[in-house]
Amino acid sequence: MFSIVSCQKDTNTVSTSAKSSKSKWSIQAQKYSELGDSFNKDNKVDSAFYYYNKSNELFEIEGNSPYIAYNLLGMAHIQQTYGDYYSSEETLTEALPYIKNDLQYQMATNNLFGIAAKELMNYDDAIGYYVTILKTANDSVSKAAALNNIATVYMEQKKYGKAITILKPILKSDILDTLQNKKARIIDNLGFAYYKNNHIPEGLSLMNQGLAIRTKINDSYGSIKSYLHLADFYKNRDYQKSKQSALQAYKVATKHQSIDERLEALELLMSYNLEKGVNDYATMFINLNDSIKTVRNNAKNQFAKIKYDSRKMTLENIKYKALRAETLLQLETQKSQKYLLVFGFLLLLGTIAYLINYYRNKNRQDRLEASYNTEIRIAKQLHDELANDVFYAMTFAETQDLQNPIKKEVLLDNLDKIYASTRNLSKENSIIETGDCFEHNLKQMLSSYKMESVEVIMKNGNPIEWSAVQAEKKIALQRVLQELMVNMKKHSQASFVIIGFDSDKNNLKIDYSDNGIGFTEELVLKNGLQNAENRIQAVNGILKFDSQINKGFKAKIVVPK
């Protein structure tokens, strides 16, 4: 889509040149835009973003809509490259008034909107943008590309049957016979959808066919996705083939500096690393992931600063031109500058005060929200558990002869049950002691879930030096284990639970398993375990669930020391 817009840009440039002579602003603006293209081609995106923005400022003076739209699309594309999809959507929105009725720019804009929506998991919006392209496109290749994009969204949603329904007719037609790279993409995506939809032979055959085409036409970048799909296919079938495909994907992705594909390949490799000791692939994944987060965050700040500095420079140029025109008012101008400095200083102080107040309020709001969520959970427990027991006890006391020793004993048992529930609720929401008694209190809490029908077993591997573990990590671990035990008690119907504690040089490791009824991924989220995952991620840890219906439930927690 972006290359189409580039061609459209060139056409508009020629047309404008033929109609009238360009002003010096227009000539300079065009040079800036071409510099942006050159830097973008060389992957120097910060410089590209800077010159697209500079070009826009001059073209806004000229009112050259096609060039403004082109520059904004280039800036939005760069923002998406660095994962800043929200800012990209803002930039695309700025471009809308300049696109008007130009079909090529409309298609490019909707395509970028679709990518942003997909990456932000707004799948319905993404499909809407691609459907708009499908309705407006006037050639079969563009329509096929839009259909492929819609299919990839469905695959993200795991609606593989819908993806197959869309891709299969494209492959049967001769639309892409002369465009082998696009045909290979359709074949590979269709094969992956077939495989995920349990049509194993058809899926494997198509994925291999797609890779063969990409290899034949030397589509090195396209082969990355083929290798990743095959690594996913073999991961539970043939470890060596899965590893070989993932390594090949990592190698080619490294060659093309494709960070997301490198991370995806490392994720496959570290998930099935059979060697003992430190998982080198996991270490590479963490280092690369941390590095790219830093780079992308810095880039986001840099792009925002470029816009800010550019606007600021424009205002300063206007100010200095006015000063040169007012030579007779030099003294008054100097006084105005002093006032401006004082105002800027006061504005800076006001901004600092505002930011301090904002973050204080934000932290207060976060604490209030956490407190509110806790209150809701406690209220639900009070309503679902204690309220029913108390009502039953009251009704029993009102309707039964308490002089009868048997009736009296039943009432006392009910009251004892209410007391025990109240005590357990208090323990679940009490302050966690993170000092020397932490390990004792943690294991005592886990042992409290042991009942006649449930056996709780704790295993110790390498000793954990709890005194060296940060308090917030101890709190997160205890809360997560508590949520797992509560979930087991309420939902799993397990008869035994095993909790293993272990450590290595860099990480704490806790393995949880039970023999309960298990959960699907949807039930895991409904039972509140998403909150447990968020807690572990907040302390830079990893929480993985492994469960199937009637095959028990497992959870693995890894937290850096």
Protein backbone atom coordinates (compact mmCIF):
# COMPACT_ATOMS: atom_id res chain seq x y z
CA MET A 1 0.00 0.00 0.00
CA PHE A 2 2.79 2.40 0.91
CA SER A 3 4.58 1.87 -2.41
CA ILE A 4 1.29 2.61 -4.21
CA VAL A 5 1.01 5.91 -2.35
CA SER A 6 4.62 6.70 -3.28
CA CYS A 7 3.76 6.34 -6.95
CA GLN A 8 0.69 8.48 -6.42
CA LYS A 9 2.86 11.13 -4.78
CA ASP A 10 5.17 11.25 -7.80
CA THR A 11 2.17 11.65 -10.12
CA ASN A 12 0.81 14.58 -8.12
CA THR A 13 4.24 16.19 -8.08
CA VAL A 14 4.51 16.10 -11.87
CA SER A 15 0.99 17.47 -12.23
CA THR A 16 1.66 20.37 -9.90
CA SER A 17 4.91 21.19 -11.69
CA ALA A 18 3.17 21.26 -15.06
CA LYS A 19 0.42 23.62 -13.89
CA SER A 20 2.49 26.35 -12.25
CA SER A 21 5.92 27.27 -11.03
CA LYS A 22 6.65 26.25 -7.47
CA SER A 23 7.39 28.72 -4.69
CA LYS A 24 10.64 28.44 -2.77
CA TRP A 25 8.66 26.97 0.15
CA SER A 26 7.20 24.26 -2.06
CA ILE A 27 10.59 23.37 -3.55
CA GLN A 28 12.21 23.14 -0.13
CA ALA A 29 9.27 21.14 1.24
CA GLN A 30 9.54 18.64 -1.62
CA LYS A 31 13.27 18.23 -0.94
CA TYR A 32 12.54 17.55 2.73
CA SER A 33 9.97 14.90 1.79
CA GLU A 34 12.44 13.22 -0.59
CA LEU A 35 15.06 13.26 2.17
CA GLY A 36 12.51 11.55 4.39
CA ASP A 37 12.04 8.85 1.74
CA SER A 38 15.80 8.37 1.42
CA PHE A 39 16.36 8.03 5.17
CA ASN A 40 13.35 5.75 5.47
CA LYS A 41 14.77 3.48 2.77
CA ASP A 42 18.09 3.33 4.67
CA ASN A 43 16.22 2.46 7.89
CA LYS A 44 17.25 5.75 9.55
CA VAL A 45 13.73 6.30 10.73
CA ASP A 46 14.37 9.10 13.23
CA SER A 47 15.84 11.27 10.45
CA ALA A 48 13.04 10.21 8.09
CA PHE A 49 10.42 11.21 10.67
CA TYR A 50 12.18 14.56 11.19
CA TYR A 51 12.19 15.49 7.47
CA TYR A 52 8.64 14.29 6.84
CA ASN A 53 7.56 16.58 9.68
CA LYS A 54 9.67 19.50 8.34
CA SER A 55 8.18 18.97 4.88
CA ASN A 56 4.67 19.03 6.30
CA GLU A 57 5.15 22.37 8.01
CA LEU A 58 6.14 24.02 4.73
CA PHE A 59 3.44 22.28 2.69
CA GLU A 60 0.82 23.45 5.17
CA ILE A 61 1.75 26.98 4.15
CA GLU A 62 1.31 26.00 0.49
CA GLY A 63 -1.81 23.90 1.14
CA ASN A 64 -0.48 20.92 -0.83
CA SER A 65 -2.84 18.20 0.38
CA PRO A 66 -1.36 15.12 -1.39
CA TYR A 67 2.12 15.79 -0.04
CA ILE A 68 0.80 16.46 3.48
CA ALA A 69 -1.15 13.19 3.40
CA TYR A 70 1.91 11.33 2.10
CA ASN A 71 4.20 12.70 4.81
CA LEU A 72 1.71 11.93 7.57
CA LEU A 73 1.29 8.36 6.30
CA GLY A 74 5.08 7.99 6.33
CA MET A 75 5.23 9.24 9.92
CA ALA A 76 2.40 6.92 10.98
CA HIS A 77 4.16 3.96 9.34
CA ILE A 78 7.37 4.75 11.24
CA GLN A 79 5.47 5.00 14.53
CA GLN A 80 3.98 1.55 13.88
CA THR A 81 7.46 0.18 13.20
CA TYR A 82 8.34 1.08 16.78
CA GLY A 83 5.11 -0.28 18.25
CA ASP A 84 3.58 3.14 18.99
CA TYR A 85 0.15 2.29 17.60
CA TYR A 86 -1.80 4.88 19.59
CA SER A 87 0.37 7.74 18.27
CA SER A 88 0.13 6.20 14.81
CA GLU A 89 -3.67 6.37 14.96
CA GLU A 90 -3.44 10.05 15.98
CA THR A 91 -1.15 10.80 13.02
CA LEU A 92 -3.47 8.95 10.63
CA THR A 93 -6.41 10.96 11.97
CA GLU A 94 -4.45 14.15 11.17
CA ALA A 95 -4.07 12.90 7.58
CA LEU A 96 -7.80 12.33 6.97
CA PRO A 97 -8.71 15.96 6.03
CA TYR A 98 -5.95 15.98 3.36
CA ILE A 99 -6.84 12.67 1.71
CA LYS A 100 -10.20 13.82 0.35
CA ASN A 101 -11.38 11.48 -2.44
CA ASP A 102 -7.99 10.04 -3.44
CA LEU A 103 -8.58 6.26 -3.57
CA GLN A 104 -4.92 5.23 -3.19
CA TYR A 105 -4.42 7.34 -0.06
CA GLN A 106 -7.72 6.10 1.36
CA MET A 107 -6.63 2.49 0.89
CA ALA A 108 -3.20 3.13 2.45
CA THR A 109 -4.75 4.94 5.42
CA ASN A 110 -7.31 2.20 6.06
CA ASN A 111 -4.56 -0.41 5.79
CA LEU A 112 -2.45 1.36 8.46
CA PHE A 113 -5.54 1.86 10.62
CA GLY A 114 -6.23 -1.87 10.27
CA ILE A 115 -2.68 -2.80 11.32
CA ALA A 116 -2.88 -0.54 14.38
CA ALA A 117 -6.27 -1.92 15.40
CA LYS A 118 -5.08 -5.51 14.97
CA GLU A 119 -1.95 -4.94 17.07
CA LEU A 120 -4.05 -3.25 19.77
CA MET A 121 -6.36 -6.31 19.64
CA ASN A 122 -9.34 -4.24 18.43
CA TYR A 123 -10.13 -7.03 16.00
CA ASP A 124 -13.59 -5.89 14.96
CA ASP A 125 -12.22 -2.44 14.06
CA ALA A 126 -9.36 -4.02 12.11
CA ILE A 127 -11.76 -6.13 10.06
CA GLY A 128 -13.88 -3.03 9.46
CA TYR A 129 -10.93 -1.14 7.98
CA TYR A 130 -9.95 -4.06 5.72
CA VAL A 131 -13.58 -4.49 4.58
CA THR A 132 -13.56 -0.80 3.60
CA ILE A 133 -10.48 -1.46 1.41
CA LEU A 134 -12.25 -4.49 -0.06
CA LYS A 135 -15.26 -2.35 -1.02
CA THR A 136 -13.25 0.50 -2.54
CA ALA A 137 -10.39 -1.38 -4.25
CA ASN A 138 -10.69 -1.43 -8.04
CA ASP A 139 -8.23 -4.26 -8.76
CA SER A 140 -8.24 -7.94 -7.83
CA VAL A 141 -4.73 -7.92 -6.29
CA SER A 142 -5.64 -5.24 -3.75
CA LYS A 143 -8.84 -7.11 -2.92
CA ALA A 144 -6.88 -10.34 -2.43
CA ALA A 145 -4.48 -8.51 -0.09
CA ALA A 146 -7.41 -7.13 1.94
CA LEU A 147 -8.99 -10.59 2.16
CA ASN A 148 -5.68 -12.05 3.34
CA ASN A 149 -5.47 -9.36 6.05
CA ILE A 150 -9.01 -10.17 7.20
CA ALA A 151 -8.05 -13.87 7.36
CA THR A 152 -4.98 -13.08 9.51
CA VAL A 153 -7.22 -11.21 11.96
CA TYR A 154 -9.49 -14.24 12.18
CA MET A 155 -6.44 -16.42 12.83
CA GLU A 156 -5.42 -14.08 15.65
CA GLN A 157 -8.90 -14.70 17.08
CA LYS A 158 -8.44 -18.47 16.50
CA LYS A 159 -11.38 -18.48 14.07
CA TYR A 160 -9.51 -20.72 11.68
CA GLY A 161 -12.60 -21.96 9.86
CA LYS A 162 -13.47 -18.41 8.80
CA ALA A 163 -9.88 -17.84 7.65
CA ILE A 164 -10.04 -20.99 5.51
CA THR A 165 -13.33 -19.88 3.96
CA ILE A 166 -11.71 -16.59 2.88
CA LEU A 167 -8.32 -17.86 1.69
CA LYS A 168 -9.38 -21.00 -0.17
CA PRO A 169 -11.22 -19.24 -3.06
CA ILE A 170 -8.24 -16.88 -3.58
CA LEU A 171 -5.90 -19.82 -4.01
CA LYS A 172 -8.24 -21.52 -6.47
CA SER A 173 -8.36 -18.41 -8.68
CA ASP A 174 -5.55 -17.25 -10.98
CA ILE A 175 -5.34 -13.76 -9.41
CA LEU A 176 -1.87 -14.23 -7.97
CA ASP A 177 -0.31 -16.56 -10.56
CA THR A 178 2.10 -13.83 -11.67
CA LEU A 179 2.79 -12.63 -8.11
CA GLN A 180 4.49 -15.63 -6.56
CA ASN A 181 5.48 -13.91 -3.32
CA LYS A 182 1.87 -12.95 -2.59
CA LYS A 183 0.66 -16.39 -3.67
CA ALA A 184 3.17 -18.03 -1.30
CA ARG A 185 1.81 -15.88 1.55
CA ILE A 186 -1.76 -17.01 0.84
CA ILE A 187 -0.68 -20.67 0.60
CA ASP A 188 1.29 -20.51 3.87
CA ASN A 189 -1.53 -18.76 5.76
CA LEU A 190 -4.11 -21.23 4.43
CA GLY A 191 -1.87 -24.15 5.43
CA PHE A 192 -1.43 -22.74 8.94
CA ALA A 193 -5.19 -22.24 9.27
CA TYR A 194 -5.82 -25.83 8.09
CA TYR A 195 -3.31 -27.17 10.61
CA LYS A 196 -4.83 -25.18 13.46
CA ASN A 197 -8.27 -26.39 12.39
CA ASN A 198 -7.07 -30.03 12.71
CA HIS A 199 -6.76 -30.64 8.96
CA ILE A 200 -3.20 -31.85 9.50
CA PRO A 201 -2.15 -33.36 6.12
CA GLU A 202 -3.60 -30.47 4.08
CA GLY A 203 -2.04 -27.92 6.45
CA LEU A 204 1.46 -29.43 6.37
CA SER A 205 1.38 -29.85 2.60
CA LEU A 206 0.40 -26.23 1.99
CA MET A 207 2.94 -24.83 4.47
CA ASN A 208 5.72 -26.82 2.80
CA GLN A 209 4.49 -25.67 -0.62
CA GLY A 210 4.54 -22.03 0.52
CA LEU A 211 8.10 -22.39 1.83
CA ALA A 212 9.21 -24.07 -1.40
CA ILE A 213 7.88 -21.14 -3.49
CA ARG A 214 9.52 -18.59 -1.22
CA THR A 215 12.82 -20.46 -1.41
CA LYS A 216 12.59 -20.72 -5.21
CA ILE A 217 11.94 -16.99 -5.73
CA ASN A 218 14.45 -16.06 -2.99
CA ASP A 219 11.79 -14.43 -0.81
CA SER A 220 14.03 -14.50 2.24
CA TYR A 221 11.89 -12.24 4.41
CA GLY A 222 8.67 -14.11 3.59
CA SER A 223 10.31 -17.41 4.54
CA ILE A 224 10.52 -16.28 8.19
CA LYS A 225 6.78 -16.77 8.67
CA SER A 226 6.93 -20.15 6.92
CA TYR A 227 9.63 -21.38 9.27
CA LEU A 228 7.73 -20.08 12.30
CA HIS A 229 4.54 -21.84 11.17
CA LEU A 230 6.42 -25.12 10.65
CA ALA A 231 8.16 -24.79 14.04
CA ASP A 232 4.74 -24.38 15.64
CA PHE A 233 3.44 -27.39 13.70
CA TYR A 234 6.26 -29.70 14.81
CA LYS A 235 6.57 -28.50 18.40
CA ASN A 236 4.48 -31.35 19.80
CA ARG A 237 5.34 -33.82 17.03
CA ASP A 238 9.04 -33.71 16.25
CA TYR A 239 11.28 -31.70 18.57
CA GLN A 240 14.28 -31.66 16.26
CA LYS A 241 12.28 -30.42 13.26
CA SER A 242 10.59 -27.79 15.41
CA LYS A 243 13.94 -26.60 16.74
CA GLN A 244 15.51 -26.62 13.27
CA SER A 245 12.67 -24.53 11.82
CA ALA A 246 12.72 -22.08 14.74
CA LEU A 247 16.52 -21.68 14.45
CA GLN A 248 16.19 -21.03 10.72
CA ALA A 249 13.47 -18.44 11.38
CA TYR A 250 15.70 -16.77 13.97
CA LYS A 251 18.65 -16.72 11.56
CA VAL A 252 16.70 -15.12 8.70
CA ALA A 253 14.88 -12.69 11.02
CA THR A 254 18.26 -11.59 12.41
CA LYS A 255 19.50 -11.01 8.87
CA HIS A 256 16.50 -8.76 8.12
CA GLN A 257 16.64 -7.08 11.56
CA SER A 258 13.05 -8.21 12.17
CA ILE A 259 12.76 -7.98 15.94
CA ASP A 260 9.24 -9.35 16.44
CA GLU A 261 9.96 -12.47 14.39
CA ARG A 262 13.23 -13.02 16.30
CA LEU A 263 11.30 -12.85 19.57
CA GLU A 264 8.68 -15.28 18.24
CA ALA A 265 11.40 -17.74 17.18
CA LEU A 266 13.16 -17.47 20.57
CA GLU A 267 9.83 -18.01 22.34
CA LEU A 268 9.42 -21.31 20.48
CA LEU A 269 13.02 -22.32 21.19
CA MET A 270 12.93 -21.53 24.90
CA SER A 271 9.59 -23.31 25.38
CA TYR A 272 11.07 -26.61 24.22
CA ASN A 273 14.66 -26.36 25.42
CA LEU A 274 15.53 -29.88 26.64
CA GLU A 275 19.06 -29.09 27.90
CA LYS A 276 19.59 -28.94 31.63
CA GLY A 277 20.63 -25.82 33.46
CA VAL A 278 20.17 -22.25 32.26
CA ASN A 279 17.80 -21.84 29.32
CA ASP A 280 20.02 -19.87 26.93
CA TYR A 281 17.14 -19.14 24.59
CA ALA A 282 15.08 -17.72 27.45
CA THR A 283 18.02 -15.48 28.39
CA MET A 284 18.35 -14.32 24.78
CA PHE A 285 14.58 -13.69 24.65
CA ILE A 286 14.61 -11.61 27.83
CA ASN A 287 17.66 -9.59 26.80
CA LEU A 288 16.31 -8.93 23.30
CA ASN A 289 12.83 -8.12 24.59
CA ASP A 290 14.19 -5.69 27.19
CA SER A 291 16.47 -4.12 24.60
CA ILE A 292 13.73 -3.58 22.02
CA LYS A 293 11.41 -2.14 24.67
CA THR A 294 14.08 0.39 25.56
CA VAL A 295 14.75 1.25 21.90
CA ARG A 296 11.05 1.62 21.09
CA ASN A 297 10.33 3.74 24.15
CA ASN A 298 13.28 5.98 23.30
CA ALA A 299 12.03 6.22 19.72
CA LYS A 300 8.53 7.18 20.86
CA ASN A 301 9.99 9.95 23.01
CA GLN A 302 12.26 11.02 20.15
CA PHE A 303 9.36 11.29 17.68
CA ALA A 304 7.33 13.34 20.16
CA LYS A 305 10.35 15.58 20.75
CA ILE A 306 10.85 16.06 17.00
CA LYS A 307 7.28 17.31 16.66
CA TYR A 308 7.64 19.55 19.70
CA ASP A 309 11.02 21.00 18.68
CA SER A 310 9.83 21.57 15.14
CA ARG A 311 6.74 23.48 16.28
CA LYS A 312 8.85 25.42 18.73
CA MET A 313 11.38 26.33 16.02
CA THR A 314 8.59 27.52 13.73
CA LEU A 315 7.25 29.79 16.43
CA GLU A 316 10.74 31.13 17.14
CA ASN A 317 11.33 31.87 13.44
CA ILE A 318 8.11 33.83 13.30
CA LYS A 319 9.11 35.71 16.43
CA TYR A 320 12.57 36.62 15.08
CA LYS A 321 11.12 37.81 11.77
CA ALA A 322 8.80 40.08 13.67
CA LEU A 323 11.74 41.37 15.71
CA ARG A 324 13.73 42.24 12.61
CA ALA A 325 10.75 44.16 11.20
CA GLU A 326 10.41 46.18 14.39
CA THR A 327 13.85 47.78 14.60
CA LEU A 328 12.39 51.00 16.01
CA LEU A 329 10.90 49.08 18.96
CA GLN A 330 14.11 47.33 20.02
CA LEU A 331 14.02 48.42 23.65
CA GLU A 332 10.40 47.44 24.01
CA THR A 333 11.18 44.11 22.42
CA GLN A 334 13.94 43.42 24.96
CA LYS A 335 11.50 44.14 27.74
CA SER A 336 9.02 41.76 26.13
CA GLN A 337 11.69 39.07 26.00
CA LYS A 338 12.29 39.46 29.72
CA TYR A 339 8.58 39.10 30.34
CA LEU A 340 8.60 36.03 28.09
CA LEU A 341 11.43 34.47 30.10
CA VAL A 342 9.62 35.15 33.36
CA PHE A 343 6.44 33.72 31.90
CA GLY A 344 8.33 30.65 30.65
CA PHE A 345 9.87 30.14 34.08
CA LEU A 346 6.49 30.49 35.75
CA LEU A 347 5.00 28.17 33.15
CA LEU A 348 7.75 25.65 33.86
CA LEU A 349 7.07 25.86 37.60
CA GLY A 350 3.36 25.50 36.93
CA THR A 351 3.98 22.48 34.67
CA ILE A 352 6.17 20.83 37.30
CA ALA A 353 3.54 21.48 39.97
CA TYR A 354 0.85 20.09 37.68
CA LEU A 355 2.87 16.94 36.94
CA ILE A 356 3.60 16.37 40.63
CA ASN A 357 -0.09 16.79 41.46
CA TYR A 358 -1.09 14.59 38.52
CA TYR A 359 1.13 11.68 39.55
CA ARG A 360 0.08 12.03 43.18
CA ASN A 361 -3.55 11.85 42.14
CA LYS A 362 -2.81 8.96 39.80
CA ASN A 363 -1.11 6.98 42.56
CA ARG A 364 -3.99 7.78 44.90
CA GLN A 365 -6.46 6.67 42.23
CA ASP A 366 -4.53 3.43 41.70
CA ARG A 367 -4.59 2.73 45.43
CA LEU A 368 -8.31 3.52 45.58
CA GLU A 369 -8.98 1.21 42.64
CA ALA A 370 -7.00 -1.61 44.25
CA SER A 371 -8.86 -1.03 47.52
CA TYR A 372 -12.18 -0.97 45.66
CA ASN A 373 -11.41 -4.27 43.91
CA THR A 374 -10.49 -5.82 47.25
CA GLU A 375 -13.72 -4.54 48.79
CA ILE A 376 -15.72 -6.03 45.92
CA ARG A 377 -14.01 -9.40 46.35
CA ILE A 378 -14.58 -9.37 50.12
CA ALA A 379 -18.19 -8.28 49.67
CA LYS A 380 -18.76 -11.12 47.20
CA GLN A 381 -17.30 -13.63 49.66
CA LEU A 382 -19.45 -12.21 52.45
CA HIS A 383 -22.54 -12.46 50.25
CA ASP A 384 -21.84 -15.85 48.69
CA GLU A 385 -20.49 -17.63 51.75
CA LEU A 386 -21.05 -15.96 55.11
CA ALA A 387 -24.44 -14.39 54.41
CA ASN A 388 -25.98 -17.70 53.39
CA ASP A 389 -24.51 -19.49 56.42
CA VAL A 390 -25.69 -16.77 58.83
CA PHE A 391 -29.17 -16.75 57.32
CA TYR A 392 -29.36 -20.52 57.63
CA ALA A 393 -28.23 -20.37 61.27
CA MET A 394 -30.79 -17.64 62.07
CA THR A 395 -33.57 -19.59 60.40
CA PHE A 396 -32.54 -22.75 62.24
CA ALA A 397 -32.50 -20.91 65.59
CA GLU A 398 -35.93 -19.42 64.98
CA THR A 399 -37.61 -22.61 63.85
CA GLN A 400 -36.00 -25.31 66.00
CA ASP A 401 -36.24 -26.25 69.65
CA LEU A 402 -32.85 -25.28 70.99
CA GLN A 403 -33.56 -27.00 74.28
CA ASN A 404 -33.09 -30.22 72.39
CA PRO A 405 -29.37 -31.11 72.77
CA ILE A 406 -29.13 -32.43 69.22
CA LYS A 407 -30.64 -29.24 67.75
CA LYS A 408 -28.41 -27.15 69.94
CA GLU A 409 -25.33 -29.08 68.78
CA VAL A 410 -26.30 -28.51 65.12
CA LEU A 411 -26.61 -24.77 65.78
CA LEU A 412 -23.20 -24.71 67.47
CA ASP A 413 -21.65 -26.53 64.50
CA ASN A 414 -23.13 -23.97 62.13
CA LEU A 415 -21.80 -21.10 64.25
CA ASP A 416 -18.37 -22.76 64.34
CA LYS A 417 -18.45 -23.01 60.53
CA ILE A 418 -19.30 -19.30 60.30
CA TYR A 419 -16.43 -18.49 62.66
CA ALA A 420 -13.99 -20.56 60.60
CA SER A 421 -15.09 -18.85 57.37
CA THR A 422 -14.69 -15.43 58.99
CA ARG A 423 -11.22 -16.35 60.23
CA ASN A 424 -10.18 -17.62 56.77
CA LEU A 425 -11.49 -14.46 55.11
CA SER A 426 -9.48 -12.39 57.57
CA LYS A 427 -6.32 -14.39 56.85
CA GLU A 428 -6.74 -14.08 53.08
CA ASN A 429 -6.87 -10.29 53.25
CA SER A 430 -4.47 -9.63 56.11
CA ILE A 431 -1.13 -7.86 55.72
CA ILE A 432 1.62 -10.20 54.51
CA GLU A 433 4.64 -10.43 56.80
CA THR A 434 7.73 -10.26 54.56
CA GLY A 435 10.37 -10.59 57.27
CA ASP A 436 12.08 -13.62 58.79
CA CYS A 437 8.77 -15.44 59.30
CA PHE A 438 7.72 -15.20 55.64
CA GLU A 439 8.61 -18.78 54.65
CA HIS A 440 6.93 -20.24 57.75
CA ASN A 441 3.77 -18.15 57.23
CA LEU A 442 3.68 -18.99 53.50
CA LYS A 443 3.82 -22.72 54.06
CA GLN A 444 1.38 -22.48 56.96
CA MET A 445 -1.05 -20.67 54.65
CA LEU A 446 -0.68 -23.43 52.03
CA SER A 447 -1.12 -26.14 54.66
CA SER A 448 -4.35 -24.51 55.85
CA TYR A 449 -6.03 -25.74 52.64
CA LYS A 450 -5.35 -29.34 53.62
CA MET A 451 -8.59 -31.20 54.40
CA GLU A 452 -9.79 -34.75 54.65
CA SER A 453 -10.62 -34.72 50.97
CA VAL A 454 -7.57 -32.74 49.83
CA GLU A 455 -3.92 -33.58 50.45
CA VAL A 456 -1.44 -30.69 50.14
CA ILE A 457 2.20 -31.71 49.58
CA MET A 458 5.15 -29.30 49.53
CA LYS A 459 8.47 -30.24 47.94
CA ASN A 460 11.77 -28.41 48.32
CA GLY A 461 14.52 -28.35 45.70
CA ASN A 462 17.49 -26.04 46.00
CA PRO A 463 17.11 -23.87 49.12
CA ILE A 464 15.68 -20.37 48.63
CA GLU A 465 17.29 -17.53 50.54
CA TRP A 466 14.06 -15.66 51.26
CA SER A 467 15.84 -12.90 53.19
CA ALA A 468 17.45 -11.75 49.92
CA VAL A 469 14.13 -11.63 48.02
CA GLN A 470 12.48 -8.22 47.64
CA ALA A 471 9.34 -7.62 49.70
CA GLU A 472 7.12 -6.90 46.68
CA LYS A 473 8.13 -10.22 45.11
CA LYS A 474 7.30 -12.09 48.32
CA ILE A 475 3.89 -10.42 48.45
CA ALA A 476 3.21 -11.21 44.78
CA LEU A 477 4.21 -14.87 45.23
CA GLN A 478 2.08 -15.36 48.34
CA ARG A 479 -0.96 -13.67 46.77
CA VAL A 480 -0.65 -15.73 43.59
CA LEU A 481 -0.25 -19.02 45.48
CA GLN A 482 -3.22 -18.03 47.63
CA GLU A 483 -5.30 -17.39 44.49
CA LEU A 484 -4.26 -20.77 43.07
CA MET A 485 -5.26 -22.53 46.30
CA VAL A 486 -8.59 -20.67 46.50
CA ASN A 487 -9.23 -21.53 42.86
CA MET A 488 -8.42 -25.18 43.60
CA LYS A 489 -10.75 -25.23 46.58
CA LYS A 490 -13.66 -23.61 44.72
CA HIS A 491 -13.41 -25.11 41.27
CA SER A 492 -10.92 -27.90 40.68
CA GLN A 493 -12.40 -30.79 42.74
CA ALA A 494 -8.82 -31.95 43.31
CA SER A 495 -7.87 -34.64 45.86
CA PHE A 496 -4.20 -33.74 46.06
CA VAL A 497 -2.04 -30.70 45.38
CA ILE A 498 1.76 -30.61 44.96
CA ILE A 499 3.70 -27.36 45.35
CA GLY A 500 7.44 -27.41 44.61
CA PHE A 501 9.90 -24.68 45.62
CA ASP A 502 13.24 -24.46 43.80
CA SER A 503 15.85 -21.90 42.75
CA ASP A 504 18.84 -21.48 40.49
CA LYS A 505 21.44 -18.79 40.12
CA ASN A 506 19.05 -16.20 38.72
CA ASN A 507 15.47 -17.23 39.44
CA LEU A 508 13.00 -18.50 41.98
CA LYS A 509 10.86 -21.35 40.65
CA ILE A 510 7.55 -22.55 42.01
CA ASP A 511 5.60 -25.42 40.40
CA TYR A 512 1.94 -25.98 41.23
CA SER A 513 -0.06 -29.03 40.12
CA ASP A 514 -3.29 -30.74 41.12
CA ASN A 515 -5.37 -33.64 39.85
CA GLY A 516 -8.57 -31.68 39.49
CA ILE A 517 -10.94 -31.29 36.57
CA GLY A 518 -8.68 -28.77 34.84
CA PHE A 519 -9.63 -25.66 32.91
CA THR A 520 -9.80 -24.32 29.40
CA GLU A 521 -8.10 -21.01 28.70
CA GLU A 522 -11.46 -19.24 28.88
CA LEU A 523 -12.23 -20.75 32.30
CA VAL A 524 -8.80 -19.74 33.58
CA LEU A 525 -9.63 -16.11 32.80
CA LYS A 526 -13.14 -16.38 34.28
CA ASN A 527 -11.79 -17.85 37.52
CA GLY A 528 -9.62 -14.79 38.14
CA LEU A 529 -6.23 -16.29 37.31
CA GLN A 530 -5.57 -13.46 34.87
CA ASN A 531 -5.05 -11.32 37.96
CA ALA A 532 -2.42 -13.78 39.19
CA GLU A 533 -0.58 -13.51 35.88
CA ASN A 534 -0.65 -9.70 36.14
CA ARG A 535 0.85 -9.86 39.64
CA ILE A 536 3.78 -11.98 38.46
CA GLN A 537 4.38 -9.84 35.38
CA ALA A 538 4.46 -6.76 37.65
CA VAL A 539 7.63 -8.15 39.30
CA ASN A 540 9.16 -9.12 35.90
CA GLY A 541 8.27 -12.78 36.35
CA ILE A 542 6.56 -15.37 34.17
CA LEU A 543 3.44 -17.39 35.00
CA LYS A 544 2.44 -20.21 32.67
CA PHE A 545 -0.69 -22.35 32.87
CA ASP A 546 -0.99 -25.89 31.52
CA SER A 547 -4.44 -27.40 31.80
CA GLN A 548 -6.98 -29.50 29.97
CA ILE A 549 -10.45 -30.57 30.96
CA ASN A 550 -10.31 -33.62 33.30
CA LYS A 551 -6.50 -33.75 33.13
CA GLY A 552 -5.56 -31.62 36.09
CA PHE A 553 -4.14 -28.14 36.35
CA LYS A 554 -0.50 -26.99 36.40
CA ALA A 555 1.10 -23.60 36.91
CA LYS A 556 4.78 -22.66 36.70
CA ILE A 557 6.05 -19.44 38.30
CA VAL A 558 9.51 -18.06 37.51
CA VAL A 559 10.58 -14.83 39.25
CA PRO A 560 14.06 -13.25 38.93
CA LYS A 561 15.95 -12.92 42.21
